mmCIF file of all heavy atoms, coordinates in Angstrom:
data_MODEL
# 
_entry.id   MODEL 
# 
loop_
_atom_site.group_PDB 
_atom_site.id 
_atom_site.type_symbol 
_atom_site.label_atom_id 
_atom_site.label_alt_id 
_atom_site.label_comp_id 
_atom_site.label_asym_id 
_atom_site.label_entity_id 
_atom_site.label_seq_id 
_atom_site.pdbx_PDB_ins_code 
_atom_site.Cartn_x 
_atom_site.Cartn_y 
_atom_site.Cartn_z 
_atom_site.occupancy 
_atom_site.B_iso_or_equiv 
_atom_site.pdbx_formal_charge 
_atom_site.auth_seq_id 
_atom_site.auth_comp_id 
_atom_site.auth_asym_id 
_atom_site.auth_atom_id 
_atom_site.pdbx_PDB_model_num 
ATOM 1   N N   . ALA A 1 1  ? 0.846  -1.195 0.000   1.00 0.00 ? 1  ALA A N   1 
ATOM 2   C CA  . ALA A 1 1  ? 0.000  0.000  0.000   1.00 0.00 ? 1  ALA A CA  1 
ATOM 3   C C   . ALA A 1 1  ? 0.881  1.244  0.000   1.00 0.00 ? 1  ALA A C   1 
ATOM 4   O O   . ALA A 1 1  ? 0.937  2.015  0.961   1.00 0.00 ? 1  ALA A O   1 
ATOM 5   C CB  . ALA A 1 1  ? -0.933 -0.006 1.195   1.00 0.00 ? 1  ALA A CB  1 
ATOM 6   N N   . ASP A 1 2  ? 1.604  1.430  -1.119  1.00 0.00 ? 2  ASP A N   1 
ATOM 7   C CA  . ASP A 1 2  ? 2.378  2.644  -1.358  1.00 0.00 ? 2  ASP A CA  1 
ATOM 8   C C   . ASP A 1 2  ? 1.704  3.378  -2.506  1.00 0.00 ? 2  ASP A C   1 
ATOM 9   O O   . ASP A 1 2  ? 1.592  2.832  -3.619  1.00 0.00 ? 2  ASP A O   1 
ATOM 10  C CB  . ASP A 1 2  ? 3.823  2.320  -1.740  1.00 0.00 ? 2  ASP A CB  1 
ATOM 11  C CG  . ASP A 1 2  ? 4.619  1.693  -0.604  1.00 0.00 ? 2  ASP A CG  1 
ATOM 12  O OD1 . ASP A 1 2  ? 4.086  1.598  0.522   1.00 0.00 ? 2  ASP A OD1 1 
ATOM 13  O OD2 . ASP A 1 2  ? 5.780  1.302  -0.841  1.00 0.00 ? 2  ASP A OD2 1 
ATOM 14  N N   . LEU A 1 3  ? 1.235  4.604  -2.253  1.00 0.00 ? 3  LEU A N   1 
ATOM 15  C CA  . LEU A 1 3  ? 0.442  5.340  -3.235  1.00 0.00 ? 3  LEU A CA  1 
ATOM 16  C C   . LEU A 1 3  ? 0.876  6.790  -3.300  1.00 0.00 ? 3  LEU A C   1 
ATOM 17  O O   . LEU A 1 3  ? 1.343  7.362  -2.311  1.00 0.00 ? 3  LEU A O   1 
ATOM 18  C CB  . LEU A 1 3  ? -1.058 5.297  -2.875  1.00 0.00 ? 3  LEU A CB  1 
ATOM 19  C CG  . LEU A 1 3  ? -1.748 3.959  -2.675  1.00 0.00 ? 3  LEU A CG  1 
ATOM 20  C CD1 . LEU A 1 3  ? -1.629 3.502  -1.229  1.00 0.00 ? 3  LEU A CD1 1 
ATOM 21  C CD2 . LEU A 1 3  ? -3.217 4.071  -3.035  1.00 0.00 ? 3  LEU A CD2 1 
ATOM 22  N N   . THR A 1 4  ? 0.702  7.377  -4.484  1.00 0.00 ? 4  THR A N   1 
ATOM 23  C CA  . THR A 1 4  ? 0.906  8.803  -4.669  1.00 0.00 ? 4  THR A CA  1 
ATOM 24  C C   . THR A 1 4  ? -0.371 9.399  -5.246  1.00 0.00 ? 4  THR A C   1 
ATOM 25  O O   . THR A 1 4  ? -0.978 8.798  -6.143  1.00 0.00 ? 4  THR A O   1 
ATOM 26  C CB  . THR A 1 4  ? 2.084  9.087  -5.620  1.00 0.00 ? 4  THR A CB  1 
ATOM 27  O OG1 . THR A 1 4  ? 3.263  8.477  -5.088  1.00 0.00 ? 4  THR A OG1 1 
ATOM 28  C CG2 . THR A 1 4  ? 2.325  10.578 -5.766  1.00 0.00 ? 4  THR A CG2 1 
ATOM 29  N N   . VAL A 1 5  ? -0.767 10.556 -4.726  1.00 0.00 ? 5  VAL A N   1 
ATOM 30  C CA  . VAL A 1 5  ? -2.003 11.209 -5.175  1.00 0.00 ? 5  VAL A CA  1 
ATOM 31  C C   . VAL A 1 5  ? -1.659 12.584 -5.735  1.00 0.00 ? 5  VAL A C   1 
ATOM 32  O O   . VAL A 1 5  ? -1.065 13.417 -5.039  1.00 0.00 ? 5  VAL A O   1 
ATOM 33  C CB  . VAL A 1 5  ? -3.016 11.350 -4.025  1.00 0.00 ? 5  VAL A CB  1 
ATOM 34  C CG1 . VAL A 1 5  ? -4.311 11.981 -4.544  1.00 0.00 ? 5  VAL A CG1 1 
ATOM 35  C CG2 . VAL A 1 5  ? -3.301 9.986  -3.389  1.00 0.00 ? 5  VAL A CG2 1 
ATOM 36  N N   . PHE A 1 6  ? -2.025 12.802 -6.998  1.00 0.00 ? 6  PHE A N   1 
ATOM 37  C CA  . PHE A 1 6  ? -1.792 14.075 -7.675  1.00 0.00 ? 6  PHE A CA  1 
ATOM 38  C C   . PHE A 1 6  ? -3.105 14.807 -7.905  1.00 0.00 ? 6  PHE A C   1 
ATOM 39  O O   . PHE A 1 6  ? -4.141 14.177 -8.128  1.00 0.00 ? 6  PHE A O   1 
ATOM 40  C CB  . PHE A 1 6  ? -1.138 13.841 -9.044  1.00 0.00 ? 6  PHE A CB  1 
ATOM 41  C CG  . PHE A 1 6  ? 0.223  13.210 -8.985  1.00 0.00 ? 6  PHE A CG  1 
ATOM 42  C CD1 . PHE A 1 6  ? 0.403  11.882 -9.330  1.00 0.00 ? 6  PHE A CD1 1 
ATOM 43  C CD2 . PHE A 1 6  ? 1.328  13.945 -8.578  1.00 0.00 ? 6  PHE A CD2 1 
ATOM 44  C CE1 . PHE A 1 6  ? 1.656  11.291 -9.295  1.00 0.00 ? 6  PHE A CE1 1 
ATOM 45  C CE2 . PHE A 1 6  ? 2.591  13.373 -8.536  1.00 0.00 ? 6  PHE A CE2 1 
ATOM 46  C CZ  . PHE A 1 6  ? 2.753  12.042 -8.890  1.00 0.00 ? 6  PHE A CZ  1 
ATOM 47  N N   . ALA A 1 7  ? -3.040 16.123 -7.921  1.00 0.00 ? 7  ALA A N   1 
ATOM 48  C CA  . ALA A 1 7  ? -4.216 16.914 -8.282  1.00 0.00 ? 7  ALA A CA  1 
ATOM 49  C C   . ALA A 1 7  ? -4.569 16.723 -9.751  1.00 0.00 ? 7  ALA A C   1 
ATOM 50  O O   . ALA A 1 7  ? -5.749 16.756 -10.126 1.00 0.00 ? 7  ALA A O   1 
ATOM 51  C CB  . ALA A 1 7  ? -3.975 18.384 -7.983  1.00 0.00 ? 7  ALA A CB  1 
ATOM 52  N N   . LEU A 1 8  ? -3.538 16.502 -10.592 1.00 0.00 ? 8  LEU A N   1 
ATOM 53  C CA  . LEU A 1 8  ? -3.742 16.326 -12.032 1.00 0.00 ? 8  LEU A CA  1 
ATOM 54  C C   . LEU A 1 8  ? -3.391 14.902 -12.443 1.00 0.00 ? 8  LEU A C   1 
ATOM 55  O O   . LEU A 1 8  ? -2.608 14.225 -11.776 1.00 0.00 ? 8  LEU A O   1 
ATOM 56  C CB  . LEU A 1 8  ? -2.898 17.324 -12.816 1.00 0.00 ? 8  LEU A CB  1 
ATOM 57  C CG  . LEU A 1 8  ? -3.128 18.804 -12.508 1.00 0.00 ? 8  LEU A CG  1 
ATOM 58  C CD1 . LEU A 1 8  ? -2.186 19.674 -13.333 1.00 0.00 ? 8  LEU A CD1 1 
ATOM 59  C CD2 . LEU A 1 8  ? -4.580 19.184 -12.772 1.00 0.00 ? 8  LEU A CD2 1 
ATOM 60  N N   . ASP A 1 9  ? -3.939 14.486 -13.577 1.00 0.00 ? 9  ASP A N   1 
ATOM 61  C CA  . ASP A 1 9  ? -3.750 13.126 -14.057 1.00 0.00 ? 9  ASP A CA  1 
ATOM 62  C C   . ASP A 1 9  ? -2.490 13.040 -14.920 1.00 0.00 ? 9  ASP A C   1 
ATOM 63  O O   . ASP A 1 9  ? -2.435 13.647 -15.994 1.00 0.00 ? 9  ASP A O   1 
ATOM 64  C CB  . ASP A 1 9  ? -4.980 12.721 -14.882 1.00 0.00 ? 9  ASP A CB  1 
ATOM 65  C CG  . ASP A 1 9  ? -4.885 11.299 -15.418 1.00 0.00 ? 9  ASP A CG  1 
ATOM 66  O OD1 . ASP A 1 9  ? -3.876 10.617 -15.158 1.00 0.00 ? 9  ASP A OD1 1 
ATOM 67  O OD2 . ASP A 1 9  ? -5.832 10.878 -16.115 1.00 0.00 ? 9  ASP A OD2 1 
ATOM 68  N N   . PRO A 1 10 ? -1.478 12.295 -14.505 1.00 0.00 ? 10 PRO A N   1 
ATOM 69  C CA  . PRO A 1 10 ? -0.240 12.231 -15.296 1.00 0.00 ? 10 PRO A CA  1 
ATOM 70  C C   . PRO A 1 10 ? -0.409 11.584 -16.660 1.00 0.00 ? 10 PRO A C   1 
ATOM 71  O O   . PRO A 1 10 ? 0.447  11.764 -17.535 1.00 0.00 ? 10 PRO A O   1 
ATOM 72  C CB  . PRO A 1 10 ? 0.694  11.400 -14.410 1.00 0.00 ? 10 PRO A CB  1 
ATOM 73  C CG  . PRO A 1 10 ? -0.209 10.605 -13.529 1.00 0.00 ? 10 PRO A CG  1 
ATOM 74  C CD  . PRO A 1 10 ? -1.394 11.473 -13.283 1.00 0.00 ? 10 PRO A CD  1 
ATOM 75  N N   . LEU A 1 11 ? -1.500 10.849 -16.862 1.00 0.00 ? 11 LEU A N   1 
ATOM 76  C CA  . LEU A 1 11 ? -1.699 10.177 -18.141 1.00 0.00 ? 11 LEU A CA  1 
ATOM 77  C C   . LEU A 1 11 ? -2.550 10.970 -19.128 1.00 0.00 ? 11 LEU A C   1 
ATOM 78  O O   . LEU A 1 11 ? -2.646 10.582 -20.297 1.00 0.00 ? 11 LEU A O   1 
ATOM 79  C CB  . LEU A 1 11 ? -2.334 8.799  -17.927 1.00 0.00 ? 11 LEU A CB  1 
ATOM 80  C CG  . LEU A 1 11 ? -1.527 7.798  -17.102 1.00 0.00 ? 11 LEU A CG  1 
ATOM 81  C CD1 . LEU A 1 11 ? -2.189 6.431  -17.120 1.00 0.00 ? 11 LEU A CD1 1 
ATOM 82  C CD2 . LEU A 1 11 ? -0.082 7.704  -17.591 1.00 0.00 ? 11 LEU A CD2 1 
ATOM 83  N N   . SER A 1 12 ? -3.144 12.077 -18.693 1.00 0.00 ? 12 SER A N   1 
ATOM 84  C CA  . SER A 1 12 ? -4.021 12.810 -19.608 1.00 0.00 ? 12 SER A CA  1 
ATOM 85  C C   . SER A 1 12 ? -3.640 14.277 -19.787 1.00 0.00 ? 12 SER A C   1 
ATOM 86  O O   . SER A 1 12 ? -3.866 14.842 -20.862 1.00 0.00 ? 12 SER A O   1 
ATOM 87  C CB  . SER A 1 12 ? -5.482 12.709 -19.154 1.00 0.00 ? 12 SER A CB  1 
ATOM 88  O OG  . SER A 1 12 ? -5.675 13.346 -17.903 1.00 0.00 ? 12 SER A OG  1 
ATOM 89  N N   . VAL A 1 13 ? -3.053 14.920 -18.784 1.00 0.00 ? 13 VAL A N   1 
ATOM 90  C CA  . VAL A 1 13 ? -2.699 16.336 -18.954 1.00 0.00 ? 13 VAL A CA  1 
ATOM 91  C C   . VAL A 1 13 ? -1.349 16.437 -19.655 1.00 0.00 ? 13 VAL A C   1 
ATOM 92  O O   . VAL A 1 13 ? -0.556 15.491 -19.673 1.00 0.00 ? 13 VAL A O   1 
ATOM 93  C CB  . VAL A 1 13 ? -2.665 17.092 -17.610 1.00 0.00 ? 13 VAL A CB  1 
ATOM 94  C CG1 . VAL A 1 13 ? -3.995 16.991 -16.907 1.00 0.00 ? 13 VAL A CG1 1 
ATOM 95  C CG2 . VAL A 1 13 ? -1.534 16.592 -16.716 1.00 0.00 ? 13 VAL A CG2 1 
ATOM 96  N N   . GLY A 1 14 ? -1.062 17.579 -20.214 1.00 0.00 ? 14 GLY A N   1 
ATOM 97  C CA  . GLY A 1 14 ? 0.215  17.802 -20.869 1.00 0.00 ? 14 GLY A CA  1 
ATOM 98  C C   . GLY A 1 14 ? 1.365  17.744 -19.889 1.00 0.00 ? 14 GLY A C   1 
ATOM 99  O O   . GLY A 1 14 ? 1.197  18.052 -18.698 1.00 0.00 ? 14 GLY A O   1 
ATOM 100 N N   . PRO A 1 15 ? 2.558  17.352 -20.351 1.00 0.00 ? 15 PRO A N   1 
ATOM 101 C CA  . PRO A 1 15 ? 3.690  17.202 -19.426 1.00 0.00 ? 15 PRO A CA  1 
ATOM 102 C C   . PRO A 1 15 ? 4.106  18.489 -18.733 1.00 0.00 ? 15 PRO A C   1 
ATOM 103 O O   . PRO A 1 15 ? 4.467  18.457 -17.552 1.00 0.00 ? 15 PRO A O   1 
ATOM 104 C CB  . PRO A 1 15 ? 4.803  16.643 -20.320 1.00 0.00 ? 15 PRO A CB  1 
ATOM 105 C CG  . PRO A 1 15 ? 4.365  16.862 -21.721 1.00 0.00 ? 15 PRO A CG  1 
ATOM 106 C CD  . PRO A 1 15 ? 2.877  16.894 -21.710 1.00 0.00 ? 15 PRO A CD  1 
ATOM 107 N N   . ASP A 1 16 ? 4.061  19.621 -19.433 1.00 0.00 ? 16 ASP A N   1 
ATOM 108 C CA  . ASP A 1 16 ? 4.405  20.883 -18.763 1.00 0.00 ? 16 ASP A CA  1 
ATOM 109 C C   . ASP A 1 16 ? 3.429  21.174 -17.636 1.00 0.00 ? 16 ASP A C   1 
ATOM 110 O O   . ASP A 1 16 ? 3.814  21.662 -16.561 1.00 0.00 ? 16 ASP A O   1 
ATOM 111 C CB  . ASP A 1 16 ? 4.400  22.035 -19.767 1.00 0.00 ? 16 ASP A CB  1 
ATOM 112 C CG  . ASP A 1 16 ? 5.615  22.030 -20.680 1.00 0.00 ? 16 ASP A CG  1 
ATOM 113 O OD1 . ASP A 1 16 ? 6.740  21.957 -20.162 1.00 0.00 ? 16 ASP A OD1 1 
ATOM 114 O OD2 . ASP A 1 16 ? 5.435  22.084 -21.905 1.00 0.00 ? 16 ASP A OD2 1 
ATOM 115 N N   . GLU A 1 17 ? 2.163  20.902 -17.873 1.00 0.00 ? 17 GLU A N   1 
ATOM 116 C CA  . GLU A 1 17 ? 1.146  21.129 -16.844 1.00 0.00 ? 17 GLU A CA  1 
ATOM 117 C C   . GLU A 1 17 ? 1.324  20.160 -15.678 1.00 0.00 ? 17 GLU A C   1 
ATOM 118 O O   . GLU A 1 17 ? 1.230  20.546 -14.504 1.00 0.00 ? 17 GLU A O   1 
ATOM 119 C CB  . GLU A 1 17 ? -0.248 20.985 -17.460 1.00 0.00 ? 17 GLU A CB  1 
ATOM 120 C CG  . GLU A 1 17 ? -1.376 21.358 -16.522 1.00 0.00 ? 17 GLU A CG  1 
ATOM 121 C CD  . GLU A 1 17 ? -2.756 21.225 -17.160 1.00 0.00 ? 17 GLU A CD  1 
ATOM 122 O OE1 . GLU A 1 17 ? -2.837 20.752 -18.325 1.00 0.00 ? 17 GLU A OE1 1 
ATOM 123 O OE2 . GLU A 1 17 ? -3.751 21.588 -16.491 1.00 0.00 ? 17 GLU A OE2 1 
ATOM 124 N N   . PHE A 1 18 ? 1.599  18.892 -15.997 1.00 0.00 ? 18 PHE A N   1 
ATOM 125 C CA  . PHE A 1 18 ? 1.763  17.910 -14.922 1.00 0.00 ? 18 PHE A CA  1 
ATOM 126 C C   . PHE A 1 18 ? 2.952  18.257 -14.026 1.00 0.00 ? 18 PHE A C   1 
ATOM 127 O O   . PHE A 1 18 ? 2.912  18.006 -12.813 1.00 0.00 ? 18 PHE A O   1 
ATOM 128 C CB  . PHE A 1 18 ? 1.938  16.503 -15.489 1.00 0.00 ? 18 PHE A CB  1 
ATOM 129 C CG  . PHE A 1 18 ? 2.221  15.482 -14.421 1.00 0.00 ? 18 PHE A CG  1 
ATOM 130 C CD1 . PHE A 1 18 ? 1.242  15.153 -13.491 1.00 0.00 ? 18 PHE A CD1 1 
ATOM 131 C CD2 . PHE A 1 18 ? 3.466  14.889 -14.314 1.00 0.00 ? 18 PHE A CD2 1 
ATOM 132 C CE1 . PHE A 1 18 ? 1.515  14.240 -12.475 1.00 0.00 ? 18 PHE A CE1 1 
ATOM 133 C CE2 . PHE A 1 18 ? 3.741  13.985 -13.303 1.00 0.00 ? 18 PHE A CE2 1 
ATOM 134 C CZ  . PHE A 1 18 ? 2.763  13.654 -12.385 1.00 0.00 ? 18 PHE A CZ  1 
ATOM 135 N N   . ALA A 1 19 ? 4.003  18.827 -14.593 1.00 0.00 ? 19 ALA A N   1 
ATOM 136 C CA  . ALA A 1 19 ? 5.181  19.177 -13.798 1.00 0.00 ? 19 ALA A CA  1 
ATOM 137 C C   . ALA A 1 19 ? 4.839  20.137 -12.662 1.00 0.00 ? 19 ALA A C   1 
ATOM 138 O O   . ALA A 1 19 ? 5.570  20.212 -11.670 1.00 0.00 ? 19 ALA A O   1 
ATOM 139 C CB  . ALA A 1 19 ? 6.257  19.776 -14.693 1.00 0.00 ? 19 ALA A CB  1 
ATOM 140 N N   . GLU A 1 20 ? 3.732  20.871 -12.806 1.00 0.00 ? 20 GLU A N   1 
ATOM 141 C CA  . GLU A 1 20 ? 3.301  21.823 -11.774 1.00 0.00 ? 20 GLU A CA  1 
ATOM 142 C C   . GLU A 1 20 ? 2.162  21.280 -10.912 1.00 0.00 ? 20 GLU A C   1 
ATOM 143 O O   . GLU A 1 20 ? 1.625  22.000 -10.072 1.00 0.00 ? 20 GLU A O   1 
ATOM 144 C CB  . GLU A 1 20 ? 2.849  23.128 -12.441 1.00 0.00 ? 20 GLU A CB  1 
ATOM 145 C CG  . GLU A 1 20 ? 3.923  23.808 -13.270 1.00 0.00 ? 20 GLU A CG  1 
ATOM 146 C CD  . GLU A 1 20 ? 5.104  24.253 -12.422 1.00 0.00 ? 20 GLU A CD  1 
ATOM 147 O OE1 . GLU A 1 20 ? 4.877  24.633 -11.258 1.00 0.00 ? 20 GLU A OE1 1 
ATOM 148 O OE2 . GLU A 1 20 ? 6.246  24.190 -12.920 1.00 0.00 ? 20 GLU A OE2 1 
ATOM 149 N N   . SER A 1 21 ? 1.799  20.017 -11.109 1.00 0.00 ? 21 SER A N   1 
ATOM 150 C CA  . SER A 1 21 ? 0.658  19.453 -10.375 1.00 0.00 ? 21 SER A CA  1 
ATOM 151 C C   . SER A 1 21 ? 0.926  19.387 -8.876  1.00 0.00 ? 21 SER A C   1 
ATOM 152 O O   . SER A 1 21 ? 1.967  18.870 -8.448  1.00 0.00 ? 21 SER A O   1 
ATOM 153 C CB  . SER A 1 21 ? 0.344  18.041 -10.873 1.00 0.00 ? 21 SER A CB  1 
ATOM 154 O OG  . SER A 1 21 ? -0.659 17.440 -10.070 1.00 0.00 ? 21 SER A OG  1 
ATOM 155 N N   . PRO A 1 22 ? 0.021  19.870 -8.045  1.00 0.00 ? 22 PRO A N   1 
ATOM 156 C CA  . PRO A 1 22 ? 0.175  19.652 -6.604  1.00 0.00 ? 22 PRO A CA  1 
ATOM 157 C C   . PRO A 1 22 ? 0.148  18.162 -6.257  1.00 0.00 ? 22 PRO A C   1 
ATOM 158 O O   . PRO A 1 22 ? -0.527 17.365 -6.920  1.00 0.00 ? 22 PRO A O   1 
ATOM 159 C CB  . PRO A 1 22 ? -1.033 20.374 -6.000  1.00 0.00 ? 22 PRO A CB  1 
ATOM 160 C CG  . PRO A 1 22 ? -1.446 21.367 -7.039  1.00 0.00 ? 22 PRO A CG  1 
ATOM 161 C CD  . PRO A 1 22 ? -1.150 20.719 -8.360  1.00 0.00 ? 22 PRO A CD  1 
ATOM 162 N N   . VAL A 1 23 ? 0.922  17.787 -5.259  1.00 0.00 ? 23 VAL A N   1 
ATOM 163 C CA  . VAL A 1 23 ? 0.844  16.452 -4.680  1.00 0.00 ? 23 VAL A CA  1 
ATOM 164 C C   . VAL A 1 23 ? -0.106 16.532 -3.497  1.00 0.00 ? 23 VAL A C   1 
ATOM 165 O O   . VAL A 1 23 ? 0.107  17.304 -2.563  1.00 0.00 ? 23 VAL A O   1 
ATOM 166 C CB  . VAL A 1 23 ? 2.229  15.949 -4.228  1.00 0.00 ? 23 VAL A CB  1 
ATOM 167 C CG1 . VAL A 1 23 ? 2.109  14.621 -3.493  1.00 0.00 ? 23 VAL A CG1 1 
ATOM 168 C CG2 . VAL A 1 23 ? 3.157  15.818 -5.429  1.00 0.00 ? 23 VAL A CG2 1 
ATOM 169 N N   . GLU A 1 24 ? -1.170 15.757 -3.560  1.00 0.00 ? 24 GLU A N   1 
ATOM 170 C CA  . GLU A 1 24 ? -2.182 15.799 -2.502  1.00 0.00 ? 24 GLU A CA  1 
ATOM 171 C C   . GLU A 1 24 ? -1.825 14.912 -1.309  1.00 0.00 ? 24 GLU A C   1 
ATOM 172 O O   . GLU A 1 24 ? -2.123 15.249 -0.158  1.00 0.00 ? 24 GLU A O   1 
ATOM 173 C CB  . GLU A 1 24 ? -3.541 15.348 -3.065  1.00 0.00 ? 24 GLU A CB  1 
ATOM 174 C CG  . GLU A 1 24 ? -4.022 16.140 -4.268  1.00 0.00 ? 24 GLU A CG  1 
ATOM 175 C CD  . GLU A 1 24 ? -4.623 17.475 -3.871  1.00 0.00 ? 24 GLU A CD  1 
ATOM 176 O OE1 . GLU A 1 24 ? -4.630 17.793 -2.672  1.00 0.00 ? 24 GLU A OE1 1 
ATOM 177 O OE2 . GLU A 1 24 ? -5.084 18.204 -4.764  1.00 0.00 ? 24 GLU A OE2 1 
ATOM 178 N N   . LEU A 1 25 ? -1.165 13.767 -1.610  1.00 0.00 ? 25 LEU A N   1 
ATOM 179 C CA  . LEU A 1 25 ? -0.978 12.773 -0.554  1.00 0.00 ? 25 LEU A CA  1 
ATOM 180 C C   . LEU A 1 25 ? 0.089  11.783 -1.004  1.00 0.00 ? 25 LEU A C   1 
ATOM 181 O O   . LEU A 1 25 ? 0.197  11.484 -2.201  1.00 0.00 ? 25 LEU A O   1 
ATOM 182 C CB  . LEU A 1 25 ? -2.286 12.017 -0.333  1.00 0.00 ? 25 LEU A CB  1 
ATOM 183 C CG  . LEU A 1 25 ? -2.578 11.328 0.993   1.00 0.00 ? 25 LEU A CG  1 
ATOM 184 C CD1 . LEU A 1 25 ? -2.846 12.358 2.082   1.00 0.00 ? 25 LEU A CD1 1 
ATOM 185 C CD2 . LEU A 1 25 ? -3.804 10.420 0.838   1.00 0.00 ? 25 LEU A CD2 1 
ATOM 186 N N   . THR A 1 26 ? 0.899  11.294 -0.070  1.00 0.00 ? 26 THR A N   1 
ATOM 187 C CA  . THR A 1 26 ? 1.655  10.071 -0.305  1.00 0.00 ? 26 THR A CA  1 
ATOM 188 C C   . THR A 1 26 ? 1.367  9.120  0.849   1.00 0.00 ? 26 THR A C   1 
ATOM 189 O O   . THR A 1 26 ? 1.208  9.535  1.998   1.00 0.00 ? 26 THR A O   1 
ATOM 190 C CB  . THR A 1 26 ? 3.173  10.309 -0.409  1.00 0.00 ? 26 THR A CB  1 
ATOM 191 O OG1 . THR A 1 26 ? 3.652  10.879 0.805   1.00 0.00 ? 26 THR A OG1 1 
ATOM 192 C CG2 . THR A 1 26 ? 3.513  11.208 -1.581  1.00 0.00 ? 26 THR A CG2 1 
ATOM 193 N N   . VAL A 1 27 ? 1.294  7.849  0.498   1.00 0.00 ? 27 VAL A N   1 
ATOM 194 C CA  . VAL A 1 27 ? 1.007  6.792  1.468   1.00 0.00 ? 27 VAL A CA  1 
ATOM 195 C C   . VAL A 1 27 ? 2.112  5.750  1.351   1.00 0.00 ? 27 VAL A C   1 
ATOM 196 O O   . VAL A 1 27 ? 2.421  5.288  0.248   1.00 0.00 ? 27 VAL A O   1 
ATOM 197 C CB  . VAL A 1 27 ? -0.363 6.143  1.204   1.00 0.00 ? 27 VAL A CB  1 
ATOM 198 C CG1 . VAL A 1 27 ? -0.609 4.977  2.148   1.00 0.00 ? 27 VAL A CG1 1 
ATOM 199 C CG2 . VAL A 1 27 ? -1.478 7.183  1.336   1.00 0.00 ? 27 VAL A CG2 1 
ATOM 200 N N   . VAL A 1 28 ? 2.731  5.406  2.469   1.00 0.00 ? 28 VAL A N   1 
ATOM 201 C CA  . VAL A 1 28 ? 3.779  4.402  2.501   1.00 0.00 ? 28 VAL A CA  1 
ATOM 202 C C   . VAL A 1 28 ? 3.388  3.343  3.526   1.00 0.00 ? 28 VAL A C   1 
ATOM 203 O O   . VAL A 1 28 ? 3.094  3.667  4.681   1.00 0.00 ? 28 VAL A O   1 
ATOM 204 C CB  . VAL A 1 28 ? 5.140  5.021  2.875   1.00 0.00 ? 28 VAL A CB  1 
ATOM 205 C CG1 . VAL A 1 28 ? 6.224  3.945  2.951   1.00 0.00 ? 28 VAL A CG1 1 
ATOM 206 C CG2 . VAL A 1 28 ? 5.535  6.101  1.868   1.00 0.00 ? 28 VAL A CG2 1 
ATOM 207 N N   . ASP A 1 29 ? 3.354  2.087  3.061   1.00 0.00 ? 29 ASP A N   1 
ATOM 208 C CA  . ASP A 1 29 ? 3.016  0.986  3.960   1.00 0.00 ? 29 ASP A CA  1 
ATOM 209 C C   . ASP A 1 29 ? 1.644  1.190  4.601   1.00 0.00 ? 29 ASP A C   1 
ATOM 210 O O   . ASP A 1 29 ? 1.415  0.828  5.756   1.00 0.00 ? 29 ASP A O   1 
ATOM 211 C CB  . ASP A 1 29 ? 4.093  0.841  5.032   1.00 0.00 ? 29 ASP A CB  1 
ATOM 212 C CG  . ASP A 1 29 ? 4.113  -0.542 5.656   1.00 0.00 ? 29 ASP A CG  1 
ATOM 213 O OD1 . ASP A 1 29 ? 3.718  -1.509 4.980   1.00 0.00 ? 29 ASP A OD1 1 
ATOM 214 O OD2 . ASP A 1 29 ? 4.521  -0.669 6.827   1.00 0.00 ? 29 ASP A OD2 1 
# 
């Protein structure tokens, strides 16, 4: 259960836009 949560979708938004995406959450173990 290691997860990363982004405000933007890395698979659908443009790469320049994704580079500025806020990180909402990380979960480790």
